Full PDB file with SEQRES, HELIX, SHEET, SSBOND, CRYST1, ORIGX, SCALE, CONECT and MASTER records, all heavy atoms in Angstrom:
SEQRES   1 A   36  SER SER SER VAL ILE PRO ASP LEU HIS ARG LEU ALA PHE          
SEQRES   2 A   36  GLN ALA ALA HIS ARG THR TRP PRO SER ILE SER VAL ILE          
SEQRES   3 A   36  ILE PRO ASN PHE ASN ALA PRO LYS LEU ILE                      
HELIX    1 AA1 PHE A   13  ALA A   16  5                                   4    
CRYST1    1.000    1.000    1.000  90.00  90.00  90.00 P 1           1          
ORIGX1      1.000000  0.000000  0.000000        0.00000                         
ORIGX2      0.000000  1.000000  0.000000        0.00000                         
ORIGX3      0.000000  0.000000  1.000000        0.00000                         
SCALE1      1.000000  0.000000  0.000000        0.00000                         
SCALE2      0.000000  1.000000  0.000000        0.00000                         
SCALE3      0.000000  0.000000  1.000000        0.00000                         
ATOM      1  N   SER A   1      19.109  20.997  -1.451  1.00  0.00           N  
ATOM      2  CA  SER A   1      19.873  19.858  -0.951  1.00  0.00           C  
ATOM      3  C   SER A   1      19.716  19.721   0.552  1.00  0.00           C  
ATOM      4  O   SER A   1      19.405  20.678   1.263  1.00  0.00           O  
ATOM      5  CB  SER A   1      21.354  20.018  -1.301  1.00  0.00           C  
ATOM      6  OG  SER A   1      21.914  21.114  -0.614  1.00  0.00           O  
ATOM      7  N   SER A   2      19.940  18.511   1.036  1.00  0.00           N  
ATOM      8  CA  SER A   2      20.018  18.271   2.470  1.00  0.00           C  
ATOM      9  C   SER A   2      21.335  18.824   2.986  1.00  0.00           C  
ATOM     10  O   SER A   2      22.361  18.775   2.305  1.00  0.00           O  
ATOM     11  CB  SER A   2      19.930  16.774   2.766  1.00  0.00           C  
ATOM     12  OG  SER A   2      20.353  16.483   4.087  1.00  0.00           O  
ATOM     13  N   SER A   3      21.325  19.339   4.205  1.00  0.00           N  
ATOM     14  CA  SER A   3      22.548  19.898   4.775  1.00  0.00           C  
ATOM     15  C   SER A   3      23.522  18.823   5.226  1.00  0.00           C  
ATOM     16  O   SER A   3      24.708  19.087   5.383  1.00  0.00           O  
ATOM     17  CB  SER A   3      22.202  20.799   5.962  1.00  0.00           C  
ATOM     18  OG  SER A   3      21.426  20.086   6.919  1.00  0.00           O  
ATOM     19  N   VAL A   4      23.045  17.608   5.427  1.00  0.00           N  
ATOM     20  CA  VAL A   4      23.899  16.513   5.907  1.00  0.00           C  
ATOM     21  C   VAL A   4      24.492  15.735   4.739  1.00  0.00           C  
ATOM     22  O   VAL A   4      25.686  15.427   4.729  1.00  0.00           O  
ATOM     23  CB  VAL A   4      23.105  15.576   6.838  1.00  0.00           C  
ATOM     24  CG1 VAL A   4      23.974  14.396   7.285  1.00  0.00           C  
ATOM     25  CG2 VAL A   4      22.600  16.349   8.062  1.00  0.00           C  
ATOM     26  N   ILE A   5      23.673  15.415   3.734  1.00  0.00           N  
ATOM     27  CA  ILE A   5      24.123  14.684   2.551  1.00  0.00           C  
ATOM     28  C   ILE A   5      23.722  15.506   1.337  1.00  0.00           C  
ATOM     29  O   ILE A   5      22.550  15.533   0.957  1.00  0.00           O  
ATOM     30  CB  ILE A   5      23.508  13.273   2.488  1.00  0.00           C  
ATOM     31  CG1 ILE A   5      23.848  12.485   3.757  1.00  0.00           C  
ATOM     32  CG2 ILE A   5      24.010  12.525   1.258  1.00  0.00           C  
ATOM     33  CD1 ILE A   5      23.220  11.109   3.813  1.00  0.00           C  
ATOM     34  N   PRO A   6      24.664  16.198   0.694  1.00  0.00           N  
ATOM     35  CA  PRO A   6      24.320  17.191  -0.333  1.00  0.00           C  
ATOM     36  C   PRO A   6      23.556  16.652  -1.534  1.00  0.00           C  
ATOM     37  O   PRO A   6      22.844  17.415  -2.185  1.00  0.00           O  
ATOM     38  CB  PRO A   6      25.692  17.738  -0.756  1.00  0.00           C  
ATOM     39  CG  PRO A   6      26.577  17.507   0.424  1.00  0.00           C  
ATOM     40  CD  PRO A   6      26.098  16.219   1.027  1.00  0.00           C  
ATOM     41  N   ASP A   7      23.685  15.350  -1.871  1.00  0.00           N  
ATOM     42  CA  ASP A   7      22.977  14.855  -3.041  1.00  0.00           C  
ATOM     43  C   ASP A   7      21.582  14.316  -2.699  1.00  0.00           C  
ATOM     44  O   ASP A   7      20.898  13.788  -3.572  1.00  0.00           O  
ATOM     45  CB  ASP A   7      23.799  13.802  -3.792  1.00  0.00           C  
ATOM     46  CG  ASP A   7      24.220  12.644  -2.909  1.00  0.00           C  
ATOM     47  OD1 ASP A   7      24.688  12.895  -1.787  1.00  0.00           O  
ATOM     48  OD2 ASP A   7      24.079  11.487  -3.336  1.00  0.00           O  
ATOM     49  N   LEU A   8      21.136  14.485  -1.447  1.00  0.00           N  
ATOM     50  CA  LEU A   8      19.751  14.206  -1.102  1.00  0.00           C  
ATOM     51  C   LEU A   8      18.954  15.511  -1.194  1.00  0.00           C  
ATOM     52  O   LEU A   8      19.515  16.568  -1.439  1.00  0.00           O  
ATOM     53  CB  LEU A   8      19.649  13.574   0.286  1.00  0.00           C  
ATOM     54  CG  LEU A   8      20.387  12.232   0.434  1.00  0.00           C  
ATOM     55  CD1 LEU A   8      20.085  11.598   1.779  1.00  0.00           C  
ATOM     56  CD2 LEU A   8      20.056  11.267  -0.698  1.00  0.00           C  
ATOM     57  N   HIS A   9      17.640  15.447  -0.968  1.00  0.00           N  
ATOM     58  CA  HIS A   9      16.772  16.523  -1.435  1.00  0.00           C  
ATOM     59  C   HIS A   9      15.906  17.120  -0.324  1.00  0.00           C  
ATOM     60  O   HIS A   9      15.501  16.429   0.619  1.00  0.00           O  
ATOM     61  CB  HIS A   9      15.862  16.008  -2.555  1.00  0.00           C  
ATOM     62  CG  HIS A   9      16.543  15.054  -3.483  1.00  0.00           C  
ATOM     63  ND1 HIS A   9      17.675  15.392  -4.186  1.00  0.00           N  
ATOM     64  CD2 HIS A   9      16.288  13.752  -3.789  1.00  0.00           C  
ATOM     65  CE1 HIS A   9      18.078  14.358  -4.906  1.00  0.00           C  
ATOM     66  NE2 HIS A   9      17.260  13.348  -4.679  1.00  0.00           N  
ATOM     67  N   ARG A  10      15.600  18.395  -0.506  1.00  0.00           N  
ATOM     68  CA  ARG A  10      14.726  19.120   0.425  1.00  0.00           C  
ATOM     69  C   ARG A  10      13.769  19.989  -0.379  1.00  0.00           C  
ATOM     70  O   ARG A  10      14.185  20.949  -1.020  1.00  0.00           O  
ATOM     71  CB  ARG A  10      15.559  19.984   1.372  1.00  0.00           C  
ATOM     72  CG  ARG A  10      14.738  20.825   2.329  1.00  0.00           C  
ATOM     73  CD  ARG A  10      15.638  21.728   3.161  1.00  0.00           C  
ATOM     74  NE  ARG A  10      14.869  22.513   4.121  1.00  0.00           N  
ATOM     75  CZ  ARG A  10      15.403  23.410   4.962  1.00  0.00           C  
ATOM     76  NH1 ARG A  10      16.721  23.617   4.947  1.00  0.00           N  
ATOM     77  NH2 ARG A  10      14.643  24.088   5.799  1.00  0.00           N  
ATOM     78  N   LEU A  11      12.499  19.637  -0.356  1.00  0.00           N  
ATOM     79  CA  LEU A  11      11.488  20.468  -1.011  1.00  0.00           C  
ATOM     80  C   LEU A  11      11.449  21.834  -0.327  1.00  0.00           C  
ATOM     81  O   LEU A  11      11.307  21.933   0.898  1.00  0.00           O  
ATOM     82  CB  LEU A  11      10.122  19.802  -0.924  1.00  0.00           C  
ATOM     83  CG  LEU A  11       9.848  18.732  -1.992  1.00  0.00           C  
ATOM     84  CD1 LEU A  11       8.729  17.805  -1.528  1.00  0.00           C  
ATOM     85  CD2 LEU A  11       9.474  19.375  -3.314  1.00  0.00           C  
ATOM     86  N   ALA A  12      11.564  22.890  -1.114  1.00  0.00           N  
ATOM     87  CA  ALA A  12      11.652  24.247  -0.574  1.00  0.00           C  
ATOM     88  C   ALA A  12      10.254  24.832  -0.405  1.00  0.00           C  
ATOM     89  O   ALA A  12       9.890  25.835  -1.038  1.00  0.00           O  
ATOM     90  CB  ALA A  12      12.511  25.123  -1.480  1.00  0.00           C  
ATOM     91  N   PHE A  13       9.456  24.219   0.470  1.00  0.00           N  
ATOM     92  CA  PHE A  13       8.102  24.696   0.694  1.00  0.00           C  
ATOM     93  C   PHE A  13       8.078  26.134   1.209  1.00  0.00           C  
ATOM     94  O   PHE A  13       7.137  26.877   0.960  1.00  0.00           O  
ATOM     95  CB  PHE A  13       7.388  23.801   1.710  1.00  0.00           C  
ATOM     96  CG  PHE A  13       6.991  22.460   1.177  1.00  0.00           C  
ATOM     97  CD1 PHE A  13       7.319  21.302   1.860  1.00  0.00           C  
ATOM     98  CD2 PHE A  13       6.271  22.336   0.003  1.00  0.00           C  
ATOM     99  CE1 PHE A  13       6.939  20.060   1.392  1.00  0.00           C  
ATOM    100  CE2 PHE A  13       5.881  21.102  -0.483  1.00  0.00           C  
ATOM    101  CZ  PHE A  13       6.218  19.960   0.217  1.00  0.00           C  
ATOM    102  N   GLN A  14       9.104  26.529   1.958  1.00  0.00           N  
ATOM    103  CA  GLN A  14       9.100  27.864   2.556  1.00  0.00           C  
ATOM    104  C   GLN A  14       8.941  28.954   1.506  1.00  0.00           C  
ATOM    105  O   GLN A  14       8.283  29.968   1.743  1.00  0.00           O  
ATOM    106  CB  GLN A  14      10.392  28.095   3.342  1.00  0.00           C  
ATOM    107  CG  GLN A  14      10.489  27.252   4.610  1.00  0.00           C  
ATOM    108  CD  GLN A  14      11.617  27.735   5.515  1.00  0.00           C  
ATOM    109  OE1 GLN A  14      11.946  28.905   5.518  1.00  0.00           O  
ATOM    110  NE2 GLN A  14      12.192  26.824   6.273  1.00  0.00           N  
ATOM    111  N   ALA A  15       9.544  28.732   0.340  1.00  0.00           N  
ATOM    112  CA  ALA A  15       9.470  29.746  -0.719  1.00  0.00           C  
ATOM    113  C   ALA A  15       8.047  29.930  -1.226  1.00  0.00           C  
ATOM    114  O   ALA A  15       7.717  30.958  -1.812  1.00  0.00           O  
ATOM    115  CB  ALA A  15      10.392  29.362  -1.868  1.00  0.00           C  
ATOM    116  N   ALA A  16       7.185  28.937  -1.013  1.00  0.00           N  
ATOM    117  CA  ALA A  16       5.820  29.006  -1.512  1.00  0.00           C  
ATOM    118  C   ALA A  16       4.899  29.816  -0.608  1.00  0.00           C  
ATOM    119  O   ALA A  16       3.793  30.162  -0.994  1.00  0.00           O  
ATOM    120  CB  ALA A  16       5.256  27.595  -1.678  1.00  0.00           C  
ATOM    121  N   HIS A  17       5.340  30.091   0.635  1.00  0.00           N  
ATOM    122  CA  HIS A  17       4.481  30.794   1.585  1.00  0.00           C  
ATOM    123  C   HIS A  17       4.512  32.303   1.340  1.00  0.00           C  
ATOM    124  O   HIS A  17       5.576  32.908   1.255  1.00  0.00           O  
ATOM    125  CB  HIS A  17       4.925  30.493   3.021  1.00  0.00           C  
ATOM    126  CG  HIS A  17       4.541  29.133   3.476  1.00  0.00           C  
ATOM    127  ND1 HIS A  17       3.366  28.857   4.109  1.00  0.00           N  
ATOM    128  CD2 HIS A  17       5.187  27.956   3.381  1.00  0.00           C  
ATOM    129  CE1 HIS A  17       3.291  27.574   4.387  1.00  0.00           C  
ATOM    130  NE2 HIS A  17       4.393  27.002   3.945  1.00  0.00           N  
ATOM    131  N   ARG A  18       3.327  32.891   1.255  1.00  0.00           N  
ATOM    132  CA  ARG A  18       3.234  34.347   1.145  1.00  0.00           C  
ATOM    133  C   ARG A  18       2.941  34.963   2.513  1.00  0.00           C  
ATOM    134  O   ARG A  18       3.415  36.022   2.848  1.00  0.00           O  
ATOM    135  CB  ARG A  18       2.134  34.725   0.154  1.00  0.00           C  
ATOM    136  CG  ARG A  18       2.417  34.249  -1.257  1.00  0.00           C  
ATOM    137  CD  ARG A  18       3.694  34.880  -1.826  1.00  0.00           C  
ATOM    138  NE  ARG A  18       3.961  34.387  -3.171  1.00  0.00           N  
ATOM    139  CZ  ARG A  18       4.771  33.356  -3.419  1.00  0.00           C  
ATOM    140  NH1 ARG A  18       5.385  32.737  -2.427  1.00  0.00           N  
ATOM    141  NH2 ARG A  18       4.975  32.963  -4.661  1.00  0.00           N  
ATOM    142  N   THR A  19       2.137  34.288   3.305  1.00  0.00           N  
ATOM    143  CA  THR A  19       1.885  34.695   4.681  1.00  0.00           C  
ATOM    144  C   THR A  19       2.082  33.481   5.578  1.00  0.00           C  
ATOM    145  O   THR A  19       1.924  32.338   5.129  1.00  0.00           O  
ATOM    146  CB  THR A  19       0.461  35.236   4.858  1.00  0.00           C  
ATOM    147  OG1 THR A  19      -0.475  34.212   4.498  1.00  0.00           O  
ATOM    148  CG2 THR A  19       0.241  36.467   3.989  1.00  0.00           C  
ATOM    149  N   TRP A  20       2.415  33.731   6.828  1.00  0.00           N  
ATOM    150  CA  TRP A  20       2.651  32.649   7.773  1.00  0.00           C  
ATOM    151  C   TRP A  20       1.555  32.665   8.832  1.00  0.00           C  
ATOM    152  O   TRP A  20       1.233  33.726   9.372  1.00  0.00           O  
ATOM    153  CB  TRP A  20       4.027  32.788   8.430  1.00  0.00           C  
ATOM    154  CG  TRP A  20       5.137  32.597   7.458  1.00  0.00           C  
ATOM    155  CD1 TRP A  20       5.768  33.563   6.732  1.00  0.00           C  
ATOM    156  CD2 TRP A  20       5.733  31.358   7.077  1.00  0.00           C  
ATOM    157  NE1 TRP A  20       6.729  33.003   5.918  1.00  0.00           N  
ATOM    158  CE2 TRP A  20       6.736  31.644   6.109  1.00  0.00           C  
ATOM    159  CE3 TRP A  20       5.537  30.027   7.440  1.00  0.00           C  
ATOM    160  CZ2 TRP A  20       7.522  30.672   5.524  1.00  0.00           C  
ATOM    161  CZ3 TRP A  20       6.323  29.047   6.858  1.00  0.00           C  
ATOM    162  CH2 TRP A  20       7.296  29.365   5.915  1.00  0.00           C  
ATOM    163  N   PRO A  21       0.971  31.513   9.134  1.00  0.00           N  
ATOM    164  CA  PRO A  21      -0.114  31.473  10.115  1.00  0.00           C  
ATOM    165  C   PRO A  21       0.390  31.777  11.520  1.00  0.00           C  
ATOM    166  O   PRO A  21       1.532  31.479  11.873  1.00  0.00           O  
ATOM    167  CB  PRO A  21      -0.620  30.029  10.013  1.00  0.00           C  
ATOM    168  CG  PRO A  21       0.573  29.248   9.556  1.00  0.00           C  
ATOM    169  CD  PRO A  21       1.315  30.165   8.627  1.00  0.00           C  
ATOM    170  N   SER A  22      -0.476  32.364  12.323  1.00  0.00           N  
ATOM    171  CA  SER A  22      -0.149  32.594  13.727  1.00  0.00           C  
ATOM    172  C   SER A  22       0.020  31.261  14.455  1.00  0.00           C  
ATOM    173  O   SER A  22      -0.675  30.279  14.145  1.00  0.00           O  
ATOM    174  CB  SER A  22      -1.263  33.408  14.387  1.00  0.00           C  
ATOM    175  OG  SER A  22      -1.044  33.522  15.778  1.00  0.00           O  
ATOM    176  N   ILE A  23       0.942  31.229  15.404  1.00  0.00           N  
ATOM    177  CA  ILE A  23       1.207  30.011  16.177  1.00  0.00           C  
ATOM    178  C   ILE A  23       1.073  30.331  17.660  1.00  0.00           C  
ATOM    179  O   ILE A  23       1.629  31.328  18.151  1.00  0.00           O  
ATOM    180  CB  ILE A  23       2.615  29.454  15.896  1.00  0.00           C  
ATOM    181  CG1 ILE A  23       2.762  29.052  14.435  1.00  0.00           C  
ATOM    182  CG2 ILE A  23       2.916  28.261  16.807  1.00  0.00           C  
ATOM    183  CD1 ILE A  23       4.154  28.565  14.081  1.00  0.00           C  
ATOM    184  N   SER A  24       0.349  29.492  18.391  1.00  0.00           N  
ATOM    185  CA  SER A  24       0.299  29.563  19.845  1.00  0.00           C  
ATOM    186  C   SER A  24       1.325  28.603  20.413  1.00  0.00           C  
ATOM    187  O   SER A  24       1.309  27.405  20.090  1.00  0.00           O  
ATOM    188  CB  SER A  24      -1.097  29.195  20.358  1.00  0.00           C  
ATOM    189  OG  SER A  24      -2.050  30.152  19.938  1.00  0.00           O  
ATOM    190  N   VAL A  25       2.221  29.114  21.238  1.00  0.00           N  
ATOM    191  CA  VAL A  25       3.286  28.308  21.844  1.00  0.00           C  
ATOM    192  C   VAL A  25       2.916  28.036  23.291  1.00  0.00           C  
ATOM    193  O   VAL A  25       2.682  28.972  24.066  1.00  0.00           O  
ATOM    194  CB  VAL A  25       4.642  29.028  21.777  1.00  0.00           C  
ATOM    195  CG1 VAL A  25       5.749  28.120  22.288  1.00  0.00           C  
ATOM    196  CG2 VAL A  25       4.940  29.504  20.358  1.00  0.00           C  
ATOM    197  N   ILE A  26       2.848  26.768  23.669  1.00  0.00           N  
ATOM    198  CA  ILE A  26       2.484  26.367  25.036  1.00  0.00           C  
ATOM    199  C   ILE A  26       3.724  25.827  25.729  1.00  0.00           C  
ATOM    200  O   ILE A  26       4.322  24.836  25.273  1.00  0.00           O  
ATOM    201  CB  ILE A  26       1.355  25.311  25.031  1.00  0.00           C  
ATOM    202  CG1 ILE A  26       0.054  25.925  24.511  1.00  0.00           C  
ATOM    203  CG2 ILE A  26       1.137  24.736  26.417  1.00  0.00           C  
ATOM    204  CD1 ILE A  26      -0.177  25.794  23.037  1.00  0.00           C  
ATOM    205  N   ILE A  27       4.122  26.468  26.836  1.00  0.00           N  
ATOM    206  CA  ILE A  27       5.335  26.079  27.564  1.00  0.00           C  
ATOM    207  C   ILE A  27       4.981  25.807  29.025  1.00  0.00           C  
ATOM    208  O   ILE A  27       4.739  26.749  29.797  1.00  0.00           O  
ATOM    209  CB  ILE A  27       6.404  27.183  27.507  1.00  0.00           C  
ATOM    210  CG1 ILE A  27       6.662  27.634  26.072  1.00  0.00           C  
ATOM    211  CG2 ILE A  27       7.703  26.696  28.157  1.00  0.00           C  
ATOM    212  CD1 ILE A  27       7.597  28.827  25.960  1.00  0.00           C  
ATOM    213  N   PRO A  28       4.920  24.564  29.461  1.00  0.00           N  
ATOM    214  CA  PRO A  28       4.778  24.287  30.901  1.00  0.00           C  
ATOM    215  C   PRO A  28       6.062  24.663  31.644  1.00  0.00           C  
ATOM    216  O   PRO A  28       7.166  24.467  31.126  1.00  0.00           O  
ATOM    217  CB  PRO A  28       4.537  22.773  30.944  1.00  0.00           C  
ATOM    218  CG  PRO A  28       4.094  22.401  29.554  1.00  0.00           C  
ATOM    219  CD  PRO A  28       4.843  23.345  28.656  1.00  0.00           C  
ATOM    220  N   ASN A  29       5.905  25.195  32.859  1.00  0.00           N  
ATOM    221  CA  ASN A  29       7.094  25.612  33.617  1.00  0.00           C  
ATOM    222  C   ASN A  29       6.822  25.578  35.119  1.00  0.00           C  
ATOM    223  O   ASN A  29       5.689  25.747  35.573  1.00  0.00           O  
ATOM    224  CB  ASN A  29       7.510  27.034  33.213  1.00  0.00           C  
ATOM    225  CG  ASN A  29       8.830  27.439  33.868  1.00  0.00           C  
ATOM    226  OD1 ASN A  29       9.845  26.788  33.636  1.00  0.00           O  
ATOM    227  ND2 ASN A  29       8.826  28.480  34.690  1.00  0.00           N  
ATOM    228  N   PHE A  30       7.908  25.366  35.865  1.00  0.00           N  
ATOM    229  CA  PHE A  30       7.891  25.521  37.321  1.00  0.00           C  
ATOM    230  C   PHE A  30       9.259  26.029  37.744  1.00  0.00           C  
ATOM    231  O   PHE A  30      10.277  25.343  37.557  1.00  0.00           O  
ATOM    232  CB  PHE A  30       7.562  24.193  38.012  1.00  0.00           C  
ATOM    233  CG  PHE A  30       7.655  24.275  39.510  1.00  0.00           C  
ATOM    234  CD1 PHE A  30       6.704  25.000  40.233  1.00  0.00           C  
ATOM    235  CD2 PHE A  30       8.690  23.662  40.202  1.00  0.00           C  
ATOM    236  CE1 PHE A  30       6.789  25.089  41.619  1.00  0.00           C  
ATOM    237  CE2 PHE A  30       8.780  23.742  41.571  1.00  0.00           C  
ATOM    238  CZ  PHE A  30       7.821  24.459  42.297  1.00  0.00           C  
ATOM    239  N   ASN A  31       9.291  27.256  38.272  1.00  0.00           N  
ATOM    240  CA  ASN A  31      10.553  27.896  38.653  1.00  0.00           C  
ATOM    241  C   ASN A  31      11.519  27.922  37.462  1.00  0.00           C  
ATOM    242  O   ASN A  31      11.214  28.493  36.449  1.00  0.00           O  
ATOM    243  CB  ASN A  31      11.139  27.238  39.893  1.00  0.00           C  
ATOM    244  CG  ASN A  31      10.325  27.613  41.132  1.00  0.00           C  
ATOM    245  OD1 ASN A  31       9.777  28.714  41.229  1.00  0.00           O  
ATOM    246  ND2 ASN A  31      10.250  26.696  42.098  1.00  0.00           N  
ATOM    247  N   ALA A  32      12.699  27.277  37.574  1.00  0.00           N  
ATOM    248  CA  ALA A  32      13.667  27.160  36.470  1.00  0.00           C  
ATOM    249  C   ALA A  32      13.903  28.486  35.751  1.00  0.00           C  
ATOM    250  O   ALA A  32      13.681  28.594  34.539  1.00  0.00           O  
ATOM    251  CB  ALA A  32      13.199  26.092  35.482  1.00  0.00           C  
ATOM    252  N   PRO A  33      14.350  29.541  36.464  1.00  0.00           N  
ATOM    253  CA  PRO A  33      14.457  30.873  35.832  1.00  0.00           C  
ATOM    254  C   PRO A  33      15.405  30.907  34.638  1.00  0.00           C  
ATOM    255  O   PRO A  33      15.108  31.578  33.639  1.00  0.00           O  
ATOM    256  CB  PRO A  33      14.949  31.762  36.974  1.00  0.00           C  
ATOM    257  CG  PRO A  33      15.551  30.825  37.982  1.00  0.00           C  
ATOM    258  CD  PRO A  33      14.764  29.564  37.880  1.00  0.00           C  
ATOM    259  N   LYS A  34      16.531  30.221  34.714  1.00  0.00           N  
ATOM    260  CA  LYS A  34      17.476  30.259  33.591  1.00  0.00           C  
ATOM    261  C   LYS A  34      16.884  29.600  32.354  1.00  0.00           C  
ATOM    262  O   LYS A  34      17.051  30.092  31.221  1.00  0.00           O  
ATOM    263  CB  LYS A  34      18.786  29.583  33.985  1.00  0.00           C  
ATOM    264  CG  LYS A  34      19.582  30.349  35.031  1.00  0.00           C  
ATOM    265  CD  LYS A  34      20.908  29.660  35.331  1.00  0.00           C  
ATOM    266  CE  LYS A  34      21.704  30.448  36.369  1.00  0.00           C  
ATOM    267  NZ  LYS A  34      22.988  29.782  36.702  1.00  0.00           N  
ATOM    268  N   LEU A  35      16.191  28.484  32.558  1.00  0.00           N  
ATOM    269  CA  LEU A  35      15.624  27.774  31.411  1.00  0.00           C  
ATOM    270  C   LEU A  35      14.499  28.558  30.754  1.00  0.00           C  
ATOM    271  O   LEU A  35      14.438  28.677  29.528  1.00  0.00           O  
ATOM    272  CB  LEU A  35      15.126  26.392  31.847  1.00  0.00           C  
ATOM    273  CG  LEU A  35      16.185  25.374  32.256  1.00  0.00           C  
ATOM    274  CD1 LEU A  35      15.522  24.092  32.736  1.00  0.00           C  
ATOM    275  CD2 LEU A  35      17.131  25.075  31.105  1.00  0.00           C  
ATOM    276  N   ILE A  36      13.584  29.097  31.559  1.00  0.00           N  
ATOM    277  CA  ILE A  36      12.452  29.799  30.961  1.00  0.00           C  
ATOM    278  C   ILE A  36      12.914  31.081  30.275  1.00  0.00           C  
ATOM    279  O   ILE A  36      12.393  31.464  29.225  1.00  0.00           O  
ATOM    280  CB  ILE A  36      11.346  30.066  32.015  1.00  0.00           C  
ATOM    281  CG1 ILE A  36      10.050  30.460  31.323  1.00  0.00           C  
ATOM    282  CG2 ILE A  36      11.772  31.097  33.035  1.00  0.00           C  
ATOM    283  CD1 ILE A  36       9.426  29.365  30.485  1.00  0.00           C  
TER     284      ILE A  36                                                      
MASTER        0    0    0    1    0    0    0    6  283    1    0    3          
END                                                                             
């Protein structure tokens, strides 16, 4: 179910995954110590 409207639908694709692909995360930054 959807978390907002319980009678709507969410395909549970996560259950089908046996392994998860590696992800590269790109974060631009300048100073901002608390945010980074």
